[in-house]
N, C-alpha and C. Protein backbone atom coordinates (compact mmCIF):
# COMPACT_ATOMS: atom_id res chain seq x y z
N UNK A 1 142.19 -21.58 -42.38
CA UNK A 1 143.11 -21.04 -41.40
C UNK A 1 144.42 -21.80 -41.47
N UNK A 2 145.52 -21.07 -41.55
CA UNK A 2 146.83 -21.70 -41.61
C UNK A 2 147.31 -22.05 -40.21
N UNK A 3 147.86 -23.22 -40.11
CA UNK A 3 148.47 -23.63 -38.86
C UNK A 3 149.84 -22.99 -38.73
N UNK A 4 150.35 -22.81 -37.52
CA UNK A 4 151.67 -22.23 -37.37
C UNK A 4 152.76 -23.04 -38.05
N UNK A 5 152.55 -24.34 -38.19
CA UNK A 5 153.55 -25.19 -38.83
C UNK A 5 153.11 -25.61 -40.23
N UNK A 6 152.40 -24.73 -40.92
CA UNK A 6 151.88 -25.05 -42.25
C UNK A 6 152.99 -25.36 -43.24
N UNK A 7 154.08 -24.64 -43.16
CA UNK A 7 155.19 -24.87 -44.08
C UNK A 7 155.80 -26.24 -43.83
N UNK A 8 155.98 -26.60 -42.58
CA UNK A 8 156.54 -27.90 -42.25
C UNK A 8 155.63 -29.01 -42.74
N UNK A 9 154.32 -28.85 -42.53
CA UNK A 9 153.38 -29.86 -43.00
C UNK A 9 153.43 -30.00 -44.50
N UNK A 10 153.52 -28.89 -45.22
CA UNK A 10 153.58 -28.92 -46.68
C UNK A 10 154.88 -29.59 -47.14
N UNK A 11 155.97 -29.33 -46.48
CA UNK A 11 157.25 -29.96 -46.81
C UNK A 11 157.14 -31.47 -46.64
N UNK A 12 156.56 -31.92 -45.54
CA UNK A 12 156.40 -33.35 -45.31
C UNK A 12 155.52 -33.99 -46.37
N UNK A 13 154.43 -33.31 -46.76
CA UNK A 13 153.56 -33.83 -47.81
C UNK A 13 154.31 -33.99 -49.13
N UNK A 14 155.09 -32.99 -49.50
CA UNK A 14 155.83 -33.05 -50.76
C UNK A 14 156.87 -34.15 -50.71
N UNK A 15 157.61 -34.26 -49.60
CA UNK A 15 158.62 -35.30 -49.48
C UNK A 15 157.98 -36.67 -49.54
N UNK A 16 156.85 -36.86 -48.86
CA UNK A 16 156.18 -38.16 -48.88
C UNK A 16 155.76 -38.51 -50.30
N UNK A 17 155.25 -37.54 -51.03
CA UNK A 17 154.82 -37.77 -52.41
C UNK A 17 156.00 -38.14 -53.29
N UNK A 18 157.08 -37.40 -53.19
CA UNK A 18 158.23 -37.63 -54.07
C UNK A 18 159.00 -38.89 -53.69
N UNK A 19 159.07 -39.23 -52.44
CA UNK A 19 159.84 -40.41 -52.06
C UNK A 19 159.13 -41.69 -52.47
N UNK A 20 157.82 -41.67 -52.63
CA UNK A 20 157.12 -42.86 -53.05
C UNK A 20 157.18 -43.04 -54.56
N UNK A 21 157.56 -42.02 -55.29
CA UNK A 21 157.64 -42.08 -56.73
C UNK A 21 159.02 -42.55 -57.16
N UNK A 22 159.07 -43.33 -58.25
CA UNK A 22 160.36 -43.74 -58.79
C UNK A 22 160.76 -42.88 -59.98
N UNK A 23 159.94 -41.94 -60.35
CA UNK A 23 160.22 -41.06 -61.48
C UNK A 23 161.37 -40.12 -61.13
N UNK A 24 162.42 -40.08 -61.98
CA UNK A 24 163.58 -39.24 -61.70
C UNK A 24 163.24 -37.76 -61.72
N UNK A 25 162.31 -37.35 -62.57
CA UNK A 25 161.96 -35.93 -62.60
C UNK A 25 161.28 -35.52 -61.30
N UNK A 26 160.54 -36.41 -60.69
CA UNK A 26 159.92 -36.10 -59.40
C UNK A 26 161.00 -35.96 -58.33
N UNK A 27 162.03 -36.83 -58.40
CA UNK A 27 163.12 -36.72 -57.44
C UNK A 27 163.88 -35.41 -57.62
N UNK A 28 164.10 -34.99 -58.88
CA UNK A 28 164.77 -33.72 -59.12
C UNK A 28 163.92 -32.56 -58.62
N UNK A 29 162.59 -32.69 -58.76
CA UNK A 29 161.70 -31.67 -58.24
C UNK A 29 161.83 -31.53 -56.75
N UNK A 30 161.98 -32.66 -56.07
CA UNK A 30 162.18 -32.64 -54.62
C UNK A 30 163.51 -31.98 -54.28
N UNK A 31 164.57 -32.31 -55.02
CA UNK A 31 165.87 -31.71 -54.75
C UNK A 31 165.82 -30.20 -54.97
N UNK A 32 165.17 -29.78 -56.04
CA UNK A 32 165.03 -28.34 -56.30
C UNK A 32 164.31 -27.69 -55.14
N UNK A 33 163.26 -28.33 -54.67
CA UNK A 33 162.51 -27.80 -53.54
C UNK A 33 163.39 -27.74 -52.30
N UNK A 34 164.19 -28.78 -52.06
CA UNK A 34 165.09 -28.80 -50.90
C UNK A 34 166.11 -27.66 -50.97
N UNK A 35 166.66 -27.44 -52.16
CA UNK A 35 167.64 -26.37 -52.30
C UNK A 35 167.00 -25.00 -52.13
N UNK A 36 165.77 -24.86 -52.59
CA UNK A 36 165.06 -23.59 -52.38
C UNK A 36 164.83 -23.37 -50.89
N UNK A 37 164.41 -24.40 -50.21
CA UNK A 37 164.20 -24.31 -48.76
C UNK A 37 165.52 -23.96 -48.06
N UNK A 38 166.61 -24.61 -48.46
CA UNK A 38 167.91 -24.34 -47.85
C UNK A 38 168.33 -22.90 -48.09
N UNK A 39 168.11 -22.38 -49.29
CA UNK A 39 168.46 -20.98 -49.60
C UNK A 39 167.61 -20.02 -48.78
N UNK A 40 166.33 -20.30 -48.68
CA UNK A 40 165.44 -19.45 -47.89
C UNK A 40 165.85 -19.47 -46.42
N UNK A 41 166.16 -20.65 -45.91
CA UNK A 41 166.57 -20.75 -44.51
C UNK A 41 167.85 -19.98 -44.25
N UNK A 42 168.80 -20.04 -45.18
CA UNK A 42 170.05 -19.31 -45.01
C UNK A 42 169.78 -17.81 -44.95
N UNK A 43 168.96 -17.31 -45.87
CA UNK A 43 168.66 -15.87 -45.92
C UNK A 43 167.91 -15.45 -44.65
N UNK A 44 167.02 -16.30 -44.18
CA UNK A 44 166.29 -15.99 -42.95
C UNK A 44 167.20 -16.03 -41.73
N UNK A 45 168.17 -16.96 -41.72
CA UNK A 45 169.13 -17.01 -40.61
C UNK A 45 169.94 -15.72 -40.53
N UNK A 46 170.18 -15.11 -41.67
CA UNK A 46 170.91 -13.84 -41.68
C UNK A 46 170.09 -12.72 -41.08
N UNK A 47 168.78 -12.89 -41.06
CA UNK A 47 167.91 -11.86 -40.52
C UNK A 47 167.40 -10.90 -41.58
N UNK A 48 167.45 -11.29 -42.84
CA UNK A 48 166.94 -10.43 -43.92
C UNK A 48 165.44 -10.58 -43.97
N UNK A 49 164.76 -9.45 -43.96
CA UNK A 49 163.29 -9.45 -43.94
C UNK A 49 162.72 -9.73 -45.33
N UNK A 50 161.66 -10.54 -45.40
CA UNK A 50 161.09 -10.91 -46.70
C UNK A 50 160.42 -9.77 -47.46
N UNK A 51 160.15 -8.66 -46.81
CA UNK A 51 159.51 -7.55 -47.50
C UNK A 51 160.50 -6.74 -48.35
N UNK A 52 161.79 -7.02 -48.22
CA UNK A 52 162.80 -6.31 -49.00
C UNK A 52 162.99 -7.00 -50.35
N UNK A 53 163.18 -6.22 -51.40
CA UNK A 53 163.41 -6.78 -52.73
C UNK A 53 164.68 -7.63 -52.74
N UNK A 54 165.68 -7.23 -51.98
CA UNK A 54 166.93 -7.97 -51.93
C UNK A 54 166.77 -9.39 -51.42
N UNK A 55 165.72 -9.65 -50.64
CA UNK A 55 165.43 -10.98 -50.12
C UNK A 55 165.23 -11.96 -51.28
N UNK A 56 164.33 -11.64 -52.19
CA UNK A 56 164.06 -12.49 -53.35
C UNK A 56 165.25 -12.58 -54.28
N UNK A 57 165.90 -11.44 -54.49
CA UNK A 57 167.07 -11.42 -55.38
C UNK A 57 168.19 -12.29 -54.83
N UNK A 58 168.41 -12.25 -53.52
CA UNK A 58 169.47 -13.04 -52.90
C UNK A 58 169.18 -14.53 -53.00
N UNK A 59 167.95 -14.91 -52.77
CA UNK A 59 167.56 -16.32 -52.90
C UNK A 59 167.79 -16.80 -54.33
N UNK A 60 167.38 -16.00 -55.29
CA UNK A 60 167.59 -16.36 -56.70
C UNK A 60 169.08 -16.46 -57.01
N UNK A 61 169.88 -15.55 -56.48
CA UNK A 61 171.33 -15.58 -56.71
C UNK A 61 171.94 -16.86 -56.15
N UNK A 62 171.50 -17.27 -54.98
CA UNK A 62 172.01 -18.50 -54.38
C UNK A 62 171.63 -19.70 -55.23
N UNK A 63 170.38 -19.77 -55.66
CA UNK A 63 169.93 -20.90 -56.47
C UNK A 63 170.64 -20.97 -57.82
N UNK A 64 170.81 -19.82 -58.47
CA UNK A 64 171.54 -19.80 -59.74
C UNK A 64 172.99 -20.21 -59.55
N UNK A 65 173.59 -19.79 -58.46
CA UNK A 65 174.99 -20.13 -58.19
C UNK A 65 175.15 -21.61 -57.84
N UNK A 66 174.15 -22.20 -57.22
CA UNK A 66 174.18 -23.65 -56.99
C UNK A 66 174.11 -24.40 -58.31
N UNK A 67 173.28 -23.90 -59.20
CA UNK A 67 173.10 -24.54 -60.51
C UNK A 67 174.34 -24.37 -61.38
N UNK A 68 174.94 -23.17 -61.37
CA UNK A 68 176.09 -22.86 -62.22
C UNK A 68 177.17 -22.19 -61.38
N UNK A 69 178.05 -22.96 -60.76
CA UNK A 69 179.07 -22.39 -59.88
C UNK A 69 179.99 -21.38 -60.55
N UNK A 70 180.13 -21.44 -61.86
CA UNK A 70 181.00 -20.46 -62.54
C UNK A 70 180.47 -19.03 -62.39
N UNK A 71 179.20 -18.88 -62.07
CA UNK A 71 178.64 -17.54 -61.87
C UNK A 71 179.24 -16.84 -60.66
N UNK A 72 179.82 -17.60 -59.74
CA UNK A 72 180.44 -17.01 -58.56
C UNK A 72 181.70 -16.23 -58.91
N UNK A 73 182.25 -16.46 -60.09
CA UNK A 73 183.46 -15.75 -60.50
C UNK A 73 183.14 -14.42 -61.19
N UNK A 74 181.88 -14.24 -61.60
CA UNK A 74 181.54 -13.04 -62.35
C UNK A 74 180.14 -12.56 -61.97
N UNK A 75 180.07 -11.81 -60.89
CA UNK A 75 178.78 -11.34 -60.42
C UNK A 75 178.16 -10.33 -61.37
N UNK A 76 178.92 -9.29 -61.71
CA UNK A 76 178.33 -8.19 -62.47
C UNK A 76 178.09 -8.53 -63.94
N UNK A 77 178.82 -9.47 -64.49
CA UNK A 77 178.64 -9.81 -65.90
C UNK A 77 177.91 -11.14 -66.11
N UNK A 78 177.76 -11.94 -65.06
CA UNK A 78 177.12 -13.23 -65.21
C UNK A 78 175.87 -13.39 -64.35
N UNK A 79 176.05 -13.28 -63.05
CA UNK A 79 174.96 -13.56 -62.12
C UNK A 79 173.89 -12.47 -62.11
N UNK A 80 174.29 -11.23 -61.92
CA UNK A 80 173.30 -10.15 -61.83
C UNK A 80 172.45 -10.00 -63.10
N UNK A 81 173.03 -10.10 -64.30
CA UNK A 81 172.18 -10.01 -65.50
C UNK A 81 171.13 -11.12 -65.59
N UNK A 82 171.48 -12.33 -65.13
CA UNK A 82 170.50 -13.43 -65.14
C UNK A 82 169.34 -13.12 -64.19
N UNK A 83 169.66 -12.60 -63.03
CA UNK A 83 168.61 -12.25 -62.06
C UNK A 83 167.78 -11.09 -62.60
N UNK A 84 168.44 -10.10 -63.19
CA UNK A 84 167.73 -8.95 -63.76
C UNK A 84 166.78 -9.38 -64.87
N UNK A 85 167.21 -10.31 -65.72
CA UNK A 85 166.33 -10.82 -66.78
C UNK A 85 165.13 -11.53 -66.18
N UNK A 86 165.36 -12.31 -65.15
CA UNK A 86 164.27 -13.07 -64.52
C UNK A 86 163.22 -12.13 -63.91
N UNK A 87 163.68 -11.07 -63.26
CA UNK A 87 162.76 -10.16 -62.58
C UNK A 87 162.38 -8.94 -63.43
N UNK A 88 162.99 -8.81 -64.60
CA UNK A 88 162.66 -7.68 -65.48
C UNK A 88 163.08 -6.34 -64.92
N UNK A 89 164.28 -6.29 -64.38
CA UNK A 89 164.76 -5.05 -63.78
C UNK A 89 166.21 -4.80 -64.21
N UNK A 90 166.78 -3.74 -63.69
CA UNK A 90 168.13 -3.31 -64.05
C UNK A 90 169.18 -4.07 -63.23
N UNK A 91 170.33 -4.32 -63.83
CA UNK A 91 171.41 -5.03 -63.16
C UNK A 91 171.87 -4.27 -61.91
N UNK A 92 171.96 -2.95 -62.02
CA UNK A 92 172.40 -2.15 -60.86
C UNK A 92 171.41 -2.27 -59.70
N UNK A 93 170.13 -2.40 -60.02
CA UNK A 93 169.11 -2.53 -58.98
C UNK A 93 169.27 -3.85 -58.22
N UNK A 94 169.67 -4.89 -58.94
CA UNK A 94 169.86 -6.20 -58.30
C UNK A 94 170.95 -6.09 -57.23
N UNK A 95 172.11 -5.60 -57.63
CA UNK A 95 173.22 -5.49 -56.69
C UNK A 95 172.88 -4.57 -55.52
N UNK A 96 172.28 -3.44 -55.82
CA UNK A 96 171.94 -2.46 -54.78
C UNK A 96 170.94 -3.05 -53.78
N UNK A 97 169.90 -3.73 -54.27
CA UNK A 97 168.89 -4.28 -53.37
C UNK A 97 169.44 -5.41 -52.51
N UNK A 98 170.29 -6.26 -53.08
CA UNK A 98 170.90 -7.32 -52.27
C UNK A 98 171.82 -6.69 -51.22
N UNK A 99 172.62 -5.73 -51.63
CA UNK A 99 173.54 -5.07 -50.69
C UNK A 99 172.76 -4.39 -49.57
N UNK A 100 171.69 -3.70 -49.92
CA UNK A 100 170.89 -3.00 -48.90
C UNK A 100 170.22 -3.99 -47.94
N UNK A 101 169.80 -5.14 -48.44
CA UNK A 101 169.18 -6.15 -47.58
C UNK A 101 170.21 -6.70 -46.59
N UNK A 102 171.42 -6.96 -47.07
CA UNK A 102 172.49 -7.45 -46.19
C UNK A 102 172.85 -6.39 -45.16
N UNK A 103 172.99 -5.15 -45.60
CA UNK A 103 173.32 -4.06 -44.67
C UNK A 103 172.22 -3.86 -43.64
N UNK A 104 170.97 -3.99 -44.06
CA UNK A 104 169.85 -3.84 -43.14
C UNK A 104 169.90 -4.91 -42.05
N UNK A 105 170.17 -6.15 -42.46
CA UNK A 105 170.27 -7.25 -41.48
C UNK A 105 171.46 -7.02 -40.55
N UNK A 106 172.57 -6.55 -41.12
CA UNK A 106 173.77 -6.31 -40.32
C UNK A 106 173.55 -5.16 -39.34
N UNK A 107 172.93 -4.10 -39.79
CA UNK A 107 172.68 -2.95 -38.90
C UNK A 107 171.74 -3.33 -37.76
N UNK A 108 170.79 -4.20 -38.02
CA UNK A 108 169.83 -4.60 -37.00
C UNK A 108 170.47 -5.54 -35.97
N UNK A 109 171.24 -6.53 -36.44
CA UNK A 109 171.82 -7.52 -35.53
C UNK A 109 173.15 -8.03 -36.09
N UNK A 110 174.23 -7.28 -35.89
CA UNK A 110 175.53 -7.68 -36.46
C UNK A 110 176.04 -9.03 -35.96
N UNK A 111 175.76 -9.37 -34.72
CA UNK A 111 176.22 -10.65 -34.18
C UNK A 111 175.57 -11.82 -34.90
N UNK A 112 174.32 -11.66 -35.26
CA UNK A 112 173.60 -12.72 -35.98
C UNK A 112 174.24 -12.98 -37.34
N UNK A 113 174.54 -11.92 -38.06
CA UNK A 113 175.17 -12.06 -39.37
C UNK A 113 176.57 -12.64 -39.22
N UNK A 114 177.34 -12.13 -38.28
CA UNK A 114 178.71 -12.61 -38.07
C UNK A 114 178.76 -14.07 -37.66
N UNK A 115 177.72 -14.53 -36.96
CA UNK A 115 177.72 -15.92 -36.49
C UNK A 115 177.63 -16.94 -37.62
N UNK A 116 177.19 -16.52 -38.79
CA UNK A 116 177.10 -17.44 -39.93
C UNK A 116 178.44 -17.68 -40.60
N UNK A 117 179.38 -16.80 -40.38
CA UNK A 117 180.68 -16.90 -41.03
C UNK A 117 181.65 -17.65 -40.14
N UNK A 118 182.50 -18.46 -40.75
CA UNK A 118 183.49 -19.21 -40.00
C UNK A 118 184.80 -18.43 -39.88
N UNK A 119 184.82 -17.20 -40.39
CA UNK A 119 185.98 -16.32 -40.26
C UNK A 119 185.48 -14.95 -39.81
N UNK A 120 186.38 -14.13 -39.33
CA UNK A 120 186.00 -12.81 -38.82
C UNK A 120 185.59 -11.91 -39.98
N UNK A 121 184.43 -11.33 -39.83
CA UNK A 121 183.92 -10.44 -40.87
C UNK A 121 183.21 -9.27 -40.19
N UNK A 122 183.39 -8.09 -40.73
CA UNK A 122 182.62 -6.96 -40.24
C UNK A 122 181.30 -6.94 -41.00
N UNK A 123 181.13 -6.00 -41.90
CA UNK A 123 179.92 -5.98 -42.71
C UNK A 123 180.23 -6.75 -44.00
N UNK A 124 179.60 -7.91 -44.19
CA UNK A 124 179.95 -8.74 -45.36
C UNK A 124 179.46 -8.12 -46.66
N UNK A 125 180.21 -8.37 -47.72
CA UNK A 125 179.79 -7.89 -49.04
C UNK A 125 178.92 -8.98 -49.70
N UNK A 126 178.29 -8.62 -50.77
CA UNK A 126 177.35 -9.51 -51.45
C UNK A 126 178.04 -10.81 -51.86
N UNK A 127 179.22 -10.71 -52.43
CA UNK A 127 179.90 -11.92 -52.91
C UNK A 127 180.23 -12.87 -51.76
N UNK A 128 180.59 -12.34 -50.59
CA UNK A 128 180.87 -13.18 -49.44
C UNK A 128 179.62 -13.94 -49.00
N UNK A 129 178.50 -13.25 -48.96
CA UNK A 129 177.26 -13.87 -48.51
C UNK A 129 176.81 -14.96 -49.47
N UNK A 130 176.82 -14.66 -50.76
CA UNK A 130 176.37 -15.65 -51.75
C UNK A 130 177.31 -16.84 -51.76
N UNK A 131 178.61 -16.60 -51.73
CA UNK A 131 179.58 -17.69 -51.74
C UNK A 131 179.44 -18.57 -50.51
N UNK A 132 179.27 -17.96 -49.35
CA UNK A 132 179.10 -18.74 -48.12
C UNK A 132 177.82 -19.56 -48.17
N UNK A 133 176.74 -18.97 -48.66
CA UNK A 133 175.48 -19.69 -48.75
C UNK A 133 175.61 -20.90 -49.67
N UNK A 134 176.22 -20.71 -50.82
CA UNK A 134 176.38 -21.80 -51.78
C UNK A 134 177.24 -22.91 -51.18
N UNK A 135 178.35 -22.55 -50.56
CA UNK A 135 179.22 -23.55 -49.96
C UNK A 135 178.54 -24.25 -48.79
N UNK A 136 177.79 -23.52 -48.01
CA UNK A 136 177.08 -24.12 -46.88
C UNK A 136 176.07 -25.15 -47.35
N UNK A 137 175.34 -24.82 -48.38
CA UNK A 137 174.33 -25.75 -48.90
C UNK A 137 175.01 -26.90 -49.63
N UNK A 138 175.98 -26.60 -50.44
CA UNK A 138 176.64 -27.63 -51.26
C UNK A 138 177.35 -28.67 -50.42
N UNK A 139 178.05 -28.28 -49.40
CA UNK A 139 178.87 -29.21 -48.64
C UNK A 139 178.26 -29.60 -47.30
N UNK A 140 177.01 -29.32 -47.11
CA UNK A 140 176.34 -29.79 -45.91
C UNK A 140 176.80 -29.14 -44.63
N UNK A 141 177.30 -27.90 -44.71
CA UNK A 141 177.74 -27.18 -43.52
C UNK A 141 176.56 -26.87 -42.61
N UNK A 142 175.36 -26.82 -43.22
CA UNK A 142 174.15 -26.54 -42.45
C UNK A 142 173.85 -27.70 -41.51
N UNK A 143 173.13 -27.46 -40.48
CA UNK A 143 172.84 -28.50 -39.50
C UNK A 143 171.49 -29.17 -39.71
N UNK A 144 170.69 -28.69 -40.67
CA UNK A 144 169.35 -29.25 -40.79
C UNK A 144 169.21 -30.35 -41.82
N UNK A 145 170.32 -30.80 -42.45
CA UNK A 145 170.26 -32.06 -43.15
C UNK A 145 170.15 -32.07 -44.66
N UNK A 146 170.38 -30.99 -45.38
CA UNK A 146 170.29 -31.05 -46.83
C UNK A 146 171.62 -31.42 -47.46
N UNK A 147 172.62 -31.80 -46.67
CA UNK A 147 173.94 -32.09 -47.19
C UNK A 147 174.09 -33.48 -47.78
N UNK A 148 172.99 -34.27 -47.90
CA UNK A 148 173.15 -35.62 -48.38
C UNK A 148 173.19 -35.72 -49.89
N UNK A 149 172.98 -34.63 -50.62
CA UNK A 149 172.98 -34.67 -52.07
C UNK A 149 174.37 -34.42 -52.61
N UNK A 150 174.71 -35.08 -53.69
CA UNK A 150 176.03 -34.93 -54.29
C UNK A 150 176.08 -33.78 -55.27
N UNK A 151 177.26 -33.58 -55.87
CA UNK A 151 177.46 -32.49 -56.82
C UNK A 151 176.56 -32.64 -58.05
N UNK A 152 176.36 -33.86 -58.55
CA UNK A 152 175.52 -34.05 -59.72
C UNK A 152 174.09 -33.62 -59.43
N UNK A 153 173.64 -33.88 -58.22
CA UNK A 153 172.29 -33.47 -57.84
C UNK A 153 172.15 -31.96 -57.85
N UNK A 154 173.18 -31.25 -57.39
CA UNK A 154 173.13 -29.80 -57.36
C UNK A 154 173.10 -29.25 -58.77
N UNK A 155 173.92 -29.81 -59.66
CA UNK A 155 173.98 -29.29 -61.03
C UNK A 155 172.68 -29.55 -61.78
N UNK A 156 171.97 -30.60 -61.43
CA UNK A 156 170.79 -30.99 -62.19
C UNK A 156 169.47 -30.67 -61.49
N UNK A 157 169.51 -29.89 -60.44
CA UNK A 157 168.29 -29.71 -59.66
C UNK A 157 167.22 -28.89 -60.35
N UNK A 158 167.53 -28.18 -61.42
CA UNK A 158 166.51 -27.37 -62.09
C UNK A 158 165.96 -28.03 -63.34
N UNK A 159 166.42 -29.20 -63.70
CA UNK A 159 165.92 -29.85 -64.91
C UNK A 159 164.51 -30.33 -64.74
């Protein structure tokens, strides 16, 4: 039986294991895990439901953009093809599913989505959401504490 705080307990177990190790690859594994958690939390804060395909695609887009910031300059020729290759689907499906997930969250609770932005936005586009998520995670804009890692840690978190 899973406890209501099973995810929190698992996070604490992983952190305890990695912090006691001096192996750099274990530390990078922890950072990768932290960035995945941060990306998931951002998507959940937006109100995107996990049953939508765009949920997984958006998380992957955020993680790839954290790893390679140059992908933020070329969504249709850089970022979407990488996600499509990973999931074995069409590039157009990636963009459409992410857009539909964002629109679904916005239609359900526009104030919730707008509250994540530091500027006035109506219905945000995909590039705005991904860019904001990456910047929020990268520069510690989030309030839950993943901002202690530097730029080198972000670039190397998947090694």
